N, C-alpha and C. Protein backbone atom coordinates (compact mmCIF):
# COMPACT_ATOMS: atom_id res chain seq x y z
N UNK A 1 59.43 64.35 135.15
CA UNK A 1 59.83 65.99 135.25
C UNK A 1 61.00 65.95 136.00
N UNK A 2 61.76 64.82 136.37
CA UNK A 2 62.72 65.18 137.10
C UNK A 2 63.93 64.91 136.29
N UNK A 3 63.65 63.95 135.20
CA UNK A 3 64.37 63.69 134.01
C UNK A 3 64.78 64.75 133.07
N UNK A 4 63.92 65.35 132.81
CA UNK A 4 63.51 66.41 131.80
C UNK A 4 64.47 67.37 132.45
N UNK A 5 64.33 67.60 133.76
CA UNK A 5 65.52 69.02 134.52
C UNK A 5 66.91 68.49 134.37
N UNK A 6 67.18 67.29 134.60
CA UNK A 6 68.24 66.59 134.41
C UNK A 6 69.22 66.82 132.88
N UNK A 7 68.21 66.83 132.33
CA UNK A 7 68.44 66.66 130.83
C UNK A 7 68.86 68.06 130.38
N UNK A 8 67.79 69.07 130.61
CA UNK A 8 68.30 70.57 130.60
C UNK A 8 69.19 71.19 131.19
N UNK A 9 69.91 70.64 132.33
CA UNK A 9 70.59 71.04 133.12
C UNK A 9 72.32 70.52 132.38
N UNK A 10 72.05 69.28 131.74
CA UNK A 10 73.24 69.13 131.12
C UNK A 10 73.83 69.82 129.61
N UNK A 11 72.21 69.88 129.15
CA UNK A 11 72.42 70.92 127.78
C UNK A 11 72.94 72.07 128.24
N UNK A 12 72.63 72.86 129.51
CA UNK A 12 72.88 74.01 129.65
C UNK A 12 74.13 74.07 129.82
N UNK A 13 74.89 73.24 130.83
CA UNK A 13 76.06 73.04 131.45
C UNK A 13 77.21 72.89 129.87
N UNK A 14 76.50 71.95 129.34
CA UNK A 14 77.15 71.78 127.81
C UNK A 14 77.42 73.28 126.97
N UNK A 15 76.33 73.81 127.11
CA UNK A 15 76.18 75.08 126.01
C UNK A 15 77.68 75.91 127.06
N UNK A 16 77.38 76.14 128.09
CA UNK A 16 78.29 76.89 128.86
C UNK A 16 79.68 76.59 128.53
N UNK A 17 80.05 75.33 128.78
CA UNK A 17 81.66 74.76 128.74
C UNK A 17 81.97 75.24 127.08
N UNK A 18 81.13 74.76 126.05
CA UNK A 18 81.49 75.03 124.86
C UNK A 18 81.26 76.84 124.74
N UNK A 19 80.85 77.66 125.50
CA UNK A 19 80.46 79.03 125.12
C UNK A 19 81.89 79.27 125.99
N UNK A 20 82.45 78.89 126.94
CA UNK A 20 83.75 79.21 127.59
C UNK A 20 84.87 78.93 126.61
N UNK A 21 84.82 77.84 125.93
CA UNK A 21 85.94 77.44 125.09
C UNK A 21 85.86 78.48 124.10
N UNK A 22 84.97 78.75 123.26
CA UNK A 22 84.84 79.41 122.22
C UNK A 22 85.38 80.90 122.52
N UNK A 23 84.91 81.10 123.76
CA UNK A 23 85.29 82.60 124.18
C UNK A 23 86.79 82.71 124.47
N UNK A 24 87.16 81.85 125.02
CA UNK A 24 88.78 81.97 124.83
C UNK A 24 89.43 81.71 123.60
N UNK A 25 89.07 80.95 122.56
CA UNK A 25 89.58 81.03 121.49
C UNK A 25 89.62 82.06 120.54
N UNK A 26 88.44 83.04 120.65
CA UNK A 26 88.08 84.31 120.16
C UNK A 26 88.97 85.10 120.88
N UNK A 27 89.59 85.05 122.21
CA UNK A 27 90.45 86.17 122.89
C UNK A 27 91.97 85.63 122.49
N UNK A 28 92.25 84.41 122.15
CA UNK A 28 93.72 84.20 121.52
C UNK A 28 93.74 84.56 120.50
N UNK A 29 92.98 84.08 119.30
CA UNK A 29 92.90 85.05 117.91
C UNK A 29 93.06 86.36 117.72
N UNK A 30 91.95 86.83 118.74
CA UNK A 30 92.09 88.75 118.88
C UNK A 30 93.61 88.98 119.14
N UNK A 31 93.99 88.37 120.24
CA UNK A 31 95.35 88.75 120.96
C UNK A 31 96.60 88.29 119.85
N UNK A 32 96.37 87.25 119.34
CA UNK A 32 97.27 86.94 118.11
C UNK A 32 97.41 88.16 116.78
N UNK A 33 96.01 88.69 116.58
CA UNK A 33 96.11 89.87 115.59
C UNK A 33 96.81 91.06 116.29
N UNK A 34 96.68 91.29 117.45
CA UNK A 34 97.04 92.26 118.10
C UNK A 34 98.66 92.37 118.17
N UNK A 35 99.45 91.06 118.34
CA UNK A 35 100.46 91.08 118.42
C UNK A 35 101.24 91.03 116.92
N UNK A 36 100.33 90.56 116.30
CA UNK A 36 101.15 90.91 114.56
C UNK A 36 100.99 92.11 114.13
N UNK A 37 99.84 92.96 114.74
CA UNK A 37 99.93 94.36 114.52
C UNK A 37 100.96 95.08 115.19
N UNK A 38 101.46 94.85 116.51
CA UNK A 38 102.51 95.43 117.13
C UNK A 38 103.92 95.27 116.40
N UNK A 39 104.10 94.08 115.61
CA UNK A 39 105.11 93.71 115.14
C UNK A 39 105.55 94.39 114.08
N UNK A 40 104.46 95.05 113.19
CA UNK A 40 104.78 95.93 112.29
C UNK A 40 105.15 97.43 112.38
N UNK A 41 106.24 97.75 111.40
CA UNK A 41 106.53 98.93 111.54
C UNK A 41 106.03 99.92 110.45
N UNK A 42 105.01 100.71 111.00
CA UNK A 42 103.95 101.32 109.66
C UNK A 42 104.89 102.70 109.39
N UNK A 43 105.67 102.93 110.11
CA UNK A 43 106.66 104.23 109.56
C UNK A 43 107.17 103.97 108.37
N UNK A 44 108.08 102.32 108.35
CA UNK A 44 108.65 102.02 107.23
C UNK A 44 108.13 101.50 106.32
N UNK A 45 106.87 100.68 106.51
CA UNK A 45 105.88 100.11 105.59
C UNK A 45 104.82 100.83 104.72
N UNK A 46 104.48 102.04 105.82
CA UNK A 46 103.30 102.87 105.00
C UNK A 46 101.67 102.03 105.43
N UNK A 47 100.95 102.64 105.04
CA UNK A 47 99.31 102.35 104.94
C UNK A 47 98.81 102.46 103.72
N UNK A 48 97.77 101.68 103.37
CA UNK A 48 96.89 101.63 102.18
C UNK A 48 96.11 102.94 102.21
N UNK A 49 95.99 103.75 101.27
CA UNK A 49 95.32 104.95 101.40
C UNK A 49 94.47 105.43 100.09
N UNK A 50 93.38 105.93 99.82
CA UNK A 50 92.52 106.02 99.11
C UNK A 50 92.14 106.99 99.16
N UNK A 51 91.53 107.73 97.65
CA UNK A 51 90.89 108.97 98.12
C UNK A 51 89.37 109.22 97.90
N UNK A 52 88.99 109.83 98.55
CA UNK A 52 87.34 109.64 98.74
C UNK A 52 87.12 111.40 98.52
N UNK A 53 86.67 111.72 97.03
CA UNK A 53 86.33 113.11 96.83
C UNK A 53 84.79 113.29 96.24
N UNK A 54 83.67 112.37 96.37
CA UNK A 54 82.49 112.58 96.08
C UNK A 54 81.76 113.71 96.53
N UNK A 55 82.23 114.54 97.54
CA UNK A 55 81.50 115.28 98.11
C UNK A 55 82.42 116.74 97.63
N UNK A 56 82.09 118.05 98.39
CA UNK A 56 82.71 119.40 98.43
C UNK A 56 84.42 119.61 98.52
N UNK A 57 84.50 118.29 99.34
CA UNK A 57 85.73 118.27 99.85
C UNK A 57 86.61 117.24 99.48
N UNK A 58 88.00 117.13 99.62
CA UNK A 58 88.92 115.96 99.51
C UNK A 58 89.24 114.96 100.70
N UNK A 59 89.12 113.56 100.51
CA UNK A 59 89.21 113.13 101.78
C UNK A 59 90.17 111.81 101.45
N UNK A 60 91.35 111.50 102.21
CA UNK A 60 92.23 110.56 102.26
C UNK A 60 91.72 109.52 103.29
N UNK A 61 91.38 108.43 103.01
CA UNK A 61 90.77 107.47 103.62
C UNK A 61 91.83 106.20 103.98
N UNK A 62 91.59 105.52 105.22
CA UNK A 62 92.23 104.69 105.46
C UNK A 62 91.66 103.50 106.44
N UNK A 63 91.84 102.50 105.92
CA UNK A 63 91.06 101.53 106.65
C UNK A 63 91.60 101.01 108.02
N UNK A 64 90.90 100.55 109.16
CA UNK A 64 91.39 100.34 110.31
C UNK A 64 90.62 99.54 110.99
N UNK A 65 91.64 98.18 111.69
CA UNK A 65 90.75 97.35 112.65
C UNK A 65 90.44 97.95 113.98
N UNK A 66 89.65 96.93 114.96
CA UNK A 66 89.74 97.06 116.09
C UNK A 66 90.89 96.94 116.91
N UNK A 67 91.48 95.78 116.20
CA UNK A 67 92.96 94.94 116.59
C UNK A 67 93.96 95.67 116.43
N UNK A 68 93.98 96.88 115.65
CA UNK A 68 95.17 97.74 115.12
C UNK A 68 95.70 99.00 115.68
N UNK A 69 95.28 98.49 116.98
CA UNK A 69 95.77 99.89 117.83
C UNK A 69 97.05 100.31 117.45
N UNK A 70 98.10 99.78 116.99
CA UNK A 70 99.47 100.22 116.31
C UNK A 70 99.13 101.03 115.31
N UNK A 71 98.83 100.43 114.36
CA UNK A 71 98.20 100.89 112.89
C UNK A 71 97.65 102.27 113.31
N UNK A 72 96.46 102.07 114.36
CA UNK A 72 95.72 103.79 114.54
C UNK A 72 96.77 104.51 115.03
N UNK A 73 97.48 104.33 115.95
CA UNK A 73 98.75 105.49 116.65
C UNK A 73 99.29 105.89 115.25
N UNK A 74 99.83 105.11 114.51
CA UNK A 74 100.36 105.63 113.57
C UNK A 74 99.60 106.77 112.68
N UNK A 75 98.22 106.32 112.36
CA UNK A 75 97.48 107.09 111.43
C UNK A 75 97.29 108.40 112.20
N UNK A 76 97.32 108.45 113.35
CA UNK A 76 96.75 109.72 113.96
C UNK A 76 98.21 110.61 114.04
N UNK A 77 98.92 110.01 114.10
CA UNK A 77 100.34 110.93 114.05
C UNK A 77 100.91 111.29 112.69
N UNK A 78 100.58 110.43 112.01
CA UNK A 78 101.25 110.92 110.46
C UNK A 78 100.15 111.57 109.59
N UNK A 79 98.84 111.41 109.77
CA UNK A 79 97.74 112.12 109.21
C UNK A 79 97.20 113.68 110.36
N UNK A 80 98.39 113.92 111.16
CA UNK A 80 98.06 114.89 112.23
C UNK A 80 97.40 116.48 111.21
N UNK A 81 96.86 117.20 112.02
CA UNK A 81 96.29 118.22 111.40
C UNK A 81 97.51 119.29 111.37
N UNK A 82 97.91 119.80 110.00
CA UNK A 82 98.60 120.40 109.47
C UNK A 82 99.89 119.80 108.66
N UNK A 83 99.99 118.41 108.67
CA UNK A 83 101.10 117.74 108.34
C UNK A 83 100.90 117.49 106.53
N UNK A 84 102.05 117.69 106.05
CA UNK A 84 101.98 117.20 104.75
C UNK A 84 101.99 115.65 104.49
N UNK A 85 101.02 115.14 103.60
CA UNK A 85 101.30 113.78 103.47
C UNK A 85 101.00 113.64 101.94
N UNK A 86 101.94 112.67 101.21
CA UNK A 86 102.08 112.32 99.96
C UNK A 86 100.82 111.18 99.43
N UNK A 87 100.33 111.66 98.23
CA UNK A 87 99.37 110.69 97.84
C UNK A 87 99.44 110.79 96.16
N UNK A 88 99.56 109.32 95.48
CA UNK A 88 99.46 109.70 94.46
C UNK A 88 100.05 110.69 93.22
N UNK A 89 101.38 110.84 93.81
CA UNK A 89 102.10 111.82 93.20
C UNK A 89 102.13 113.38 93.17
N UNK A 90 101.18 113.60 94.74
CA UNK A 90 100.84 114.68 94.78
C UNK A 90 101.13 115.05 96.25
N UNK A 91 100.83 116.04 96.77
CA UNK A 91 101.24 116.43 98.52
C UNK A 91 100.02 117.13 98.76
N UNK A 92 99.60 116.47 99.83
CA UNK A 92 98.33 117.30 100.54
C UNK A 92 98.28 117.71 102.16
N UNK A 93 97.84 118.93 102.25
CA UNK A 93 97.83 119.40 103.81
C UNK A 93 96.87 118.57 104.56
N UNK A 94 96.96 118.22 105.78
CA UNK A 94 95.87 117.64 106.51
C UNK A 94 95.07 118.65 107.14
N UNK A 95 93.60 119.01 107.07
CA UNK A 95 93.00 119.65 107.35
C UNK A 95 92.19 119.67 109.17
N UNK A 96 92.02 118.35 108.58
CA UNK A 96 91.43 117.43 109.94
C UNK A 96 91.27 115.99 109.74
N UNK A 97 91.09 115.22 111.00
CA UNK A 97 90.80 113.99 110.66
C UNK A 97 90.18 113.14 111.88
N UNK A 98 89.09 112.25 111.14
CA UNK A 98 88.37 111.71 112.23
C UNK A 98 87.96 109.86 111.79
N UNK A 99 87.30 109.36 113.02
CA UNK A 99 87.44 108.13 112.69
C UNK A 99 85.88 107.53 112.59
N UNK A 100 85.48 107.16 111.73
CA UNK A 100 83.89 106.66 111.84
C UNK A 100 83.97 105.01 111.70
N UNK A 101 82.96 104.46 112.15
CA UNK A 101 82.86 102.97 111.82
C UNK A 101 82.63 102.69 110.02
N UNK A 102 83.05 101.56 109.93
CA UNK A 102 83.10 101.05 108.30
C UNK A 102 81.64 100.83 107.94
N UNK A 103 80.86 101.38 106.98
CA UNK A 103 79.71 101.15 106.19
C UNK A 103 79.87 99.54 105.97
N UNK A 104 78.59 98.80 106.63
CA UNK A 104 78.57 97.27 105.99
C UNK A 104 77.66 97.27 104.75
N UNK A 105 76.27 97.67 105.32
CA UNK A 105 75.32 97.69 104.16
C UNK A 105 74.33 98.83 104.10
N UNK A 106 73.28 99.18 103.09
CA UNK A 106 72.35 99.70 103.20
C UNK A 106 71.29 98.92 102.36
N UNK A 107 69.96 98.64 103.44
CA UNK A 107 69.11 98.10 102.98
C UNK A 107 68.19 98.80 101.84
N UNK A 108 66.99 98.21 101.31
CA UNK A 108 66.09 98.60 100.62
C UNK A 108 65.53 99.98 101.13
N UNK A 109 65.27 100.24 102.27
CA UNK A 109 64.89 101.21 102.66
C UNK A 109 65.82 102.41 103.19
N UNK A 110 66.92 102.31 102.81
CA UNK A 110 68.16 103.23 103.02
C UNK A 110 68.88 103.50 104.52
N UNK A 111 68.28 102.42 105.21
CA UNK A 111 68.93 102.25 106.53
C UNK A 111 70.07 101.62 106.52
N UNK A 112 71.13 102.37 106.96
CA UNK A 112 72.50 101.94 106.92
C UNK A 112 73.22 100.89 108.15
N UNK A 113 73.53 100.04 108.14
CA UNK A 113 74.43 99.10 109.38
C UNK A 113 76.12 99.32 109.09
N UNK A 114 76.73 99.14 110.49
CA UNK A 114 78.13 99.58 110.53
C UNK A 114 78.89 98.12 110.91
N UNK A 115 79.65 97.84 110.90
CA UNK A 115 80.59 97.11 111.40
C UNK A 115 80.93 97.36 112.70
N UNK A 116 81.21 96.80 113.77
CA UNK A 116 81.87 96.94 115.24
C UNK A 116 82.89 97.00 115.52
N UNK A 117 83.77 96.28 114.48
CA UNK A 117 85.53 96.17 114.72
C UNK A 117 86.21 96.96 113.30
N UNK A 118 85.35 97.59 112.54
CA UNK A 118 86.14 97.64 111.39
C UNK A 118 85.73 99.58 111.40
N UNK A 119 87.01 100.32 111.10
CA UNK A 119 87.16 101.73 110.85
C UNK A 119 87.28 102.54 109.96
N UNK A 120 87.02 103.53 109.34
CA UNK A 120 87.60 104.32 108.41
C UNK A 120 88.02 105.63 108.70
N UNK A 121 89.40 105.99 108.81
CA UNK A 121 89.95 107.39 109.14
C UNK A 121 89.81 107.88 107.91
N UNK A 122 89.22 109.08 108.45
CA UNK A 122 89.14 110.15 106.70
C UNK A 122 89.52 111.73 107.41
N UNK A 123 90.82 111.56 106.69
CA UNK A 123 91.50 112.94 106.80
C UNK A 123 91.08 114.06 105.89
N UNK A 124 90.75 115.03 106.14
CA UNK A 124 90.38 115.76 104.95
C UNK A 124 91.35 116.84 104.67
N UNK A 125 91.63 116.68 103.49
CA UNK A 125 92.92 117.51 103.10
C UNK A 125 92.57 118.51 102.00
N UNK A 126 93.66 119.23 101.49
CA UNK A 126 93.72 120.39 100.89
C UNK A 126 94.71 120.14 99.90
N UNK A 127 94.86 120.43 98.51
CA UNK A 127 96.16 120.15 97.37
C UNK A 127 97.08 121.07 98.08
N UNK A 128 98.39 120.40 98.19
CA UNK A 128 99.15 121.12 98.86
C UNK A 128 100.33 121.47 97.55
N UNK A 129 100.92 120.49 96.90
CA UNK A 129 101.56 120.55 95.42
C UNK A 129 101.73 119.33 94.76
N UNK A 130 101.42 119.42 93.60
CA UNK A 130 101.23 118.54 92.44
C UNK A 130 102.60 118.53 91.42
N UNK A 131 103.43 117.25 91.45
CA UNK A 131 104.48 117.33 90.71
C UNK A 131 104.10 117.59 89.49
N UNK A 132 103.50 116.84 88.72
CA UNK A 132 102.96 117.00 87.49
C UNK A 132 102.50 118.39 87.40
N UNK A 133 101.48 118.87 87.96
CA UNK A 133 101.19 120.14 87.76
C UNK A 133 101.88 121.39 87.95
N UNK A 134 103.03 121.14 88.84
CA UNK A 134 104.08 122.28 89.06
C UNK A 134 105.14 122.10 87.44
N UNK A 135 105.25 120.76 87.15
CA UNK A 135 106.32 120.93 85.78
C UNK A 135 105.23 121.63 84.90
N UNK A 136 104.11 121.17 84.50
CA UNK A 136 103.26 122.13 83.66
C UNK A 136 103.16 123.55 83.67
N UNK A 137 103.20 123.91 85.09
CA UNK A 137 103.60 125.42 85.15
C UNK A 137 104.50 126.37 84.66
N UNK A 138 105.67 125.31 85.15
CA UNK A 138 107.16 125.93 84.98
C UNK A 138 107.39 125.90 83.28
N UNK A 139 106.61 124.55 82.68
CA UNK A 139 106.65 124.82 81.44
C UNK A 139 106.04 125.81 80.52
N UNK A 140 104.93 126.14 81.12
CA UNK A 140 104.03 127.28 80.53
C UNK A 140 104.57 128.44 80.79
N UNK A 141 105.20 128.79 82.21
CA UNK A 141 106.12 130.03 82.09
C UNK A 141 107.36 130.32 81.60
N UNK A 142 108.16 128.90 81.23
CA UNK A 142 109.39 129.27 80.43
C UNK A 142 109.12 129.54 78.68
N UNK A 143 108.14 128.55 78.20
CA UNK A 143 107.80 128.65 76.86
C UNK A 143 106.82 129.26 76.48
N UNK A 144 105.89 130.02 77.18
CA UNK A 144 104.69 130.61 76.83
C UNK A 144 104.81 131.98 76.45
N UNK A 145 103.51 132.76 75.74
CA UNK A 145 103.87 134.19 75.84
C UNK A 145 104.75 134.25 74.42
N UNK A 146 105.48 135.44 74.40
CA UNK A 146 106.12 135.52 73.00
C UNK A 146 107.63 134.62 73.29
N UNK A 147 107.53 133.60 72.73
CA UNK A 147 108.91 132.69 73.17
C UNK A 147 109.87 133.18 71.92
N UNK A 148 111.03 133.38 72.22
CA UNK A 148 112.22 133.55 71.29
C UNK A 148 112.84 132.32 71.38
N UNK A 149 112.68 131.75 70.04
CA UNK A 149 113.14 130.46 69.41
C UNK A 149 114.74 130.52 69.75
N UNK A 150 115.19 131.74 69.74
CA UNK A 150 117.22 132.19 69.57
C UNK A 150 117.39 132.27 71.00
N UNK A 151 116.58 131.98 72.09
CA UNK A 151 117.09 132.01 73.43
C UNK A 151 118.08 131.16 73.79
N UNK A 152 118.95 131.68 74.79
CA UNK A 152 120.29 130.80 74.77
C UNK A 152 119.84 129.49 75.30
N UNK A 153 120.85 128.53 75.42
CA UNK A 153 121.09 127.34 75.44
C UNK A 153 120.83 126.93 77.02
N UNK A 154 121.13 127.68 77.75
CA UNK A 154 120.84 127.33 79.01
C UNK A 154 119.26 127.73 79.53
N UNK A 155 118.88 128.57 78.89
CA UNK A 155 117.44 128.38 78.90
C UNK A 155 116.64 127.32 78.58
N UNK A 156 117.03 126.64 77.49
CA UNK A 156 116.50 125.58 76.80
C UNK A 156 117.19 124.47 77.61
N UNK A 157 117.93 124.50 78.34
CA UNK A 157 118.26 123.41 79.25
C UNK A 157 117.15 123.02 80.51
N UNK A 158 116.56 124.37 80.72
CA UNK A 158 115.31 124.30 81.55
C UNK A 158 114.58 123.41 81.23
N UNK A 159 114.00 123.91 79.98
CA UNK A 159 113.09 123.32 79.33
C UNK A 159 113.31 121.63 79.14
N UNK A 160 114.45 121.33 78.72
CA UNK A 160 114.72 120.05 78.45
C UNK A 160 114.39 119.17 79.64
N UNK A 161 114.86 119.50 80.97
CA UNK A 161 114.73 119.00 82.07
C UNK A 161 113.35 118.88 82.36
N UNK A 162 112.59 119.84 82.02
CA UNK A 162 111.15 119.93 82.54
C UNK A 162 110.64 118.73 81.66
N UNK A 163 110.81 118.57 80.52
CA UNK A 163 110.31 117.39 79.31
C UNK A 163 110.79 116.28 79.76
N UNK A 164 112.20 115.98 80.40
CA UNK A 164 112.55 115.02 80.66
C UNK A 164 111.67 114.40 82.23
N UNK A 165 111.11 115.47 82.98
CA UNK A 165 110.75 115.16 84.38
C UNK A 165 109.10 114.51 84.02
N UNK A 166 108.86 114.95 82.76
CA UNK A 166 107.16 114.97 82.38
C UNK A 166 107.24 113.02 82.02
N UNK A 167 108.46 113.13 81.08
CA UNK A 167 108.19 111.58 80.25
C UNK A 167 108.56 110.69 81.49
N UNK A 168 108.93 110.81 82.37
CA UNK A 168 109.33 109.92 83.73
C UNK A 168 107.86 109.40 83.73
N UNK A 169 106.86 110.22 83.99
CA UNK A 169 105.49 109.83 84.30
C UNK A 169 104.75 108.71 82.88
N UNK A 170 105.35 107.67 82.89
CA UNK A 170 105.27 106.95 81.57
C UNK A 170 103.94 106.39 81.52
N UNK A 171 103.44 105.98 82.78
CA UNK A 171 102.32 105.54 82.99
C UNK A 171 100.89 106.44 82.93
N UNK A 172 101.17 107.66 82.31
CA UNK A 172 100.61 109.00 82.27
C UNK A 172 100.44 109.62 81.00
N UNK A 173 101.77 109.48 80.51
CA UNK A 173 101.84 110.10 79.22
C UNK A 173 101.90 109.23 77.96
N UNK A 174 101.33 109.35 77.36
CA UNK A 174 101.16 108.67 75.91
C UNK A 174 102.40 108.33 74.87
N UNK A 175 102.73 107.23 74.46
CA UNK A 175 104.00 107.14 73.81
C UNK A 175 104.15 108.01 72.96
N UNK A 176 102.95 108.15 71.94
CA UNK A 176 103.05 109.66 70.62
C UNK A 176 103.51 110.67 71.52
N UNK A 177 103.12 111.08 72.47
CA UNK A 177 103.52 112.11 73.21
C UNK A 177 104.72 112.42 73.84
N UNK A 178 105.27 111.10 74.44
CA UNK A 178 106.61 111.14 74.76
C UNK A 178 107.37 111.34 73.49
N UNK A 179 107.14 110.67 72.39
CA UNK A 179 107.84 110.49 71.14
C UNK A 179 108.22 112.17 70.53
N UNK A 180 106.60 113.05 70.50
CA UNK A 180 106.71 114.59 70.45
C UNK A 180 107.70 115.30 70.89
N UNK A 181 107.65 115.17 72.37
CA UNK A 181 108.44 115.87 73.29
C UNK A 181 109.78 115.60 73.08
N UNK A 182 110.39 114.24 73.11
CA UNK A 182 111.87 114.22 72.85
C UNK A 182 112.21 114.69 70.96
N UNK A 183 111.26 114.76 70.35
CA UNK A 183 111.59 115.55 69.04
C UNK A 183 111.74 116.96 69.38
N UNK A 184 111.07 117.67 70.05
CA UNK A 184 110.79 119.01 70.57
C UNK A 184 112.27 119.59 71.16
N UNK A 185 112.34 118.55 72.10
CA UNK A 185 114.16 118.46 72.29
C UNK A 185 115.05 118.56 71.49
N UNK A 186 114.95 117.83 70.74
CA UNK A 186 116.01 117.82 69.25
C UNK A 186 115.85 119.05 68.85
N UNK A 187 114.80 119.26 68.38
CA UNK A 187 114.71 120.83 67.53
C UNK A 187 114.86 121.96 68.22
N UNK A 188 114.52 121.72 69.45
CA UNK A 188 115.08 123.17 70.38
C UNK A 188 116.61 123.16 70.40
N UNK A 189 117.24 122.13 70.46
CA UNK A 189 118.63 121.55 70.47
C UNK A 189 119.36 122.50 69.03
N UNK A 190 118.65 121.68 68.04
CA UNK A 190 119.09 122.16 66.79
C UNK A 190 118.65 123.59 66.27
N UNK A 191 117.95 124.19 66.89
CA UNK A 191 117.34 125.59 66.66
C UNK A 191 116.45 125.38 65.60
N UNK A 192 115.49 124.32 65.36
CA UNK A 192 114.70 123.99 64.36
C UNK A 192 113.25 124.08 64.60
N UNK A 193 112.87 124.25 66.02
CA UNK A 193 111.77 124.63 66.98
C UNK A 193 110.92 125.80 66.18
N UNK A 194 109.78 125.72 65.90
CA UNK A 194 108.96 127.08 65.54
C UNK A 194 107.94 127.00 66.68
N UNK A 195 106.90 128.43 66.57
CA UNK A 195 105.85 128.68 67.48
C UNK A 195 104.67 127.62 67.45
N UNK A 196 104.51 126.97 66.57
CA UNK A 196 103.87 125.79 66.02
C UNK A 196 104.02 124.65 67.38
N UNK A 197 105.54 124.18 67.03
CA UNK A 197 105.81 123.40 67.66
C UNK A 197 105.29 123.35 69.31
N UNK A 198 106.24 124.81 69.90
CA UNK A 198 105.91 125.14 71.33
C UNK A 198 104.33 125.21 71.62
N UNK A 199 103.19 125.74 70.89
CA UNK A 199 101.94 125.79 70.99
C UNK A 199 101.20 124.41 71.21
N UNK A 200 101.98 123.50 70.52
CA UNK A 200 101.63 122.32 70.33
C UNK A 200 101.86 121.35 71.61
N UNK A 201 103.31 121.93 72.00
CA UNK A 201 103.74 121.49 73.36
C UNK A 201 103.00 121.75 74.71
N UNK A 202 102.26 123.05 74.66
CA UNK A 202 101.80 123.41 75.38
C UNK A 202 100.60 122.82 75.69
N UNK A 203 99.69 122.51 74.38
CA UNK A 203 98.47 121.73 74.74
C UNK A 203 98.64 120.39 75.15
N UNK A 204 99.95 119.66 74.90
CA UNK A 204 100.32 118.22 75.38
C UNK A 204 100.29 117.98 76.76
N UNK A 205 101.29 118.93 76.86
CA UNK A 205 101.52 118.98 78.58
C UNK A 205 100.46 119.51 79.66
N UNK A 206 99.51 120.50 79.19
CA UNK A 206 98.53 120.54 79.92
C UNK A 206 97.70 119.54 80.34
N UNK A 207 97.28 118.51 79.19
CA UNK A 207 96.23 117.54 79.22
C UNK A 207 96.88 116.68 80.61
N UNK A 208 97.96 116.84 80.71
CA UNK A 208 98.38 115.60 82.25
C UNK A 208 98.51 116.46 83.58
N UNK A 209 97.56 117.73 83.56
CA UNK A 209 97.29 118.14 84.63
C UNK A 209 96.50 117.46 85.51
N UNK A 210 96.66 116.72 86.56
CA UNK A 210 95.77 115.75 87.00
C UNK A 210 94.35 116.40 87.29
N UNK A 211 93.41 115.89 87.35
CA UNK A 211 92.00 116.56 87.97
C UNK A 211 92.02 116.15 89.00
N UNK A 212 92.32 116.94 90.07
CA UNK A 212 91.83 116.62 91.67
C UNK A 212 91.19 118.04 92.54
N UNK A 213 89.63 117.43 92.70
CA UNK A 213 88.97 118.46 93.43
C UNK A 213 89.78 119.29 94.50
N UNK A 214 90.47 120.37 94.49
CA UNK A 214 90.77 121.05 95.46
C UNK A 214 89.94 121.60 96.62
N UNK A 215 90.39 121.20 98.17
CA UNK A 215 89.12 121.53 99.08
C UNK A 215 88.83 122.33 99.36
N UNK A 216 87.92 123.14 99.41
CA UNK A 216 87.20 124.53 99.51
C UNK A 216 86.90 124.82 100.80
N UNK A 217 86.20 123.83 101.90
CA UNK A 217 85.56 123.96 102.72
C UNK A 217 86.10 123.41 104.33
């Protein structure tokens, strides 16, 4: 019996020592992550943002870890209520911001479990300005309706500039549409454009208005 208690005591002592060193190691690793986060200038580097519009409202979401207090401070300041923020070539106005534990998994019964050291900041936003949408509206306002093909070259210059702006979005505008818009510029300059050209241009430009659900709640 005495030997058993001695062995048990030794085992418990070893477990305690190992636990102590394991805890110290975990604290060192945590502090290292904190120090790394503190060294980052998020104002210069920015944070990775993604859109969640699976509900009636739009949310800009940013992941943050427990040790990233510096990042959390930046997020809460940059995405403050009323602030205008950029995302995917559009500007959004922040209506509110909340922090939630990040979802870990959902089991077969629908029970959710969450991380205790990973969070998601969700900034509820409304569309403030979209560059492509703005270009499109300007284009329609300038060439829609009773378009007079003999308008002054100054007015056509405005149209050239809008076409050039749209063509800049080469990752969104197809090569065929880019070629068409370039040809339209030439036709306008030479006085060869007709109403059909303009109607086709409006149809093409309107295709590139991004489908972004505007928050209504």
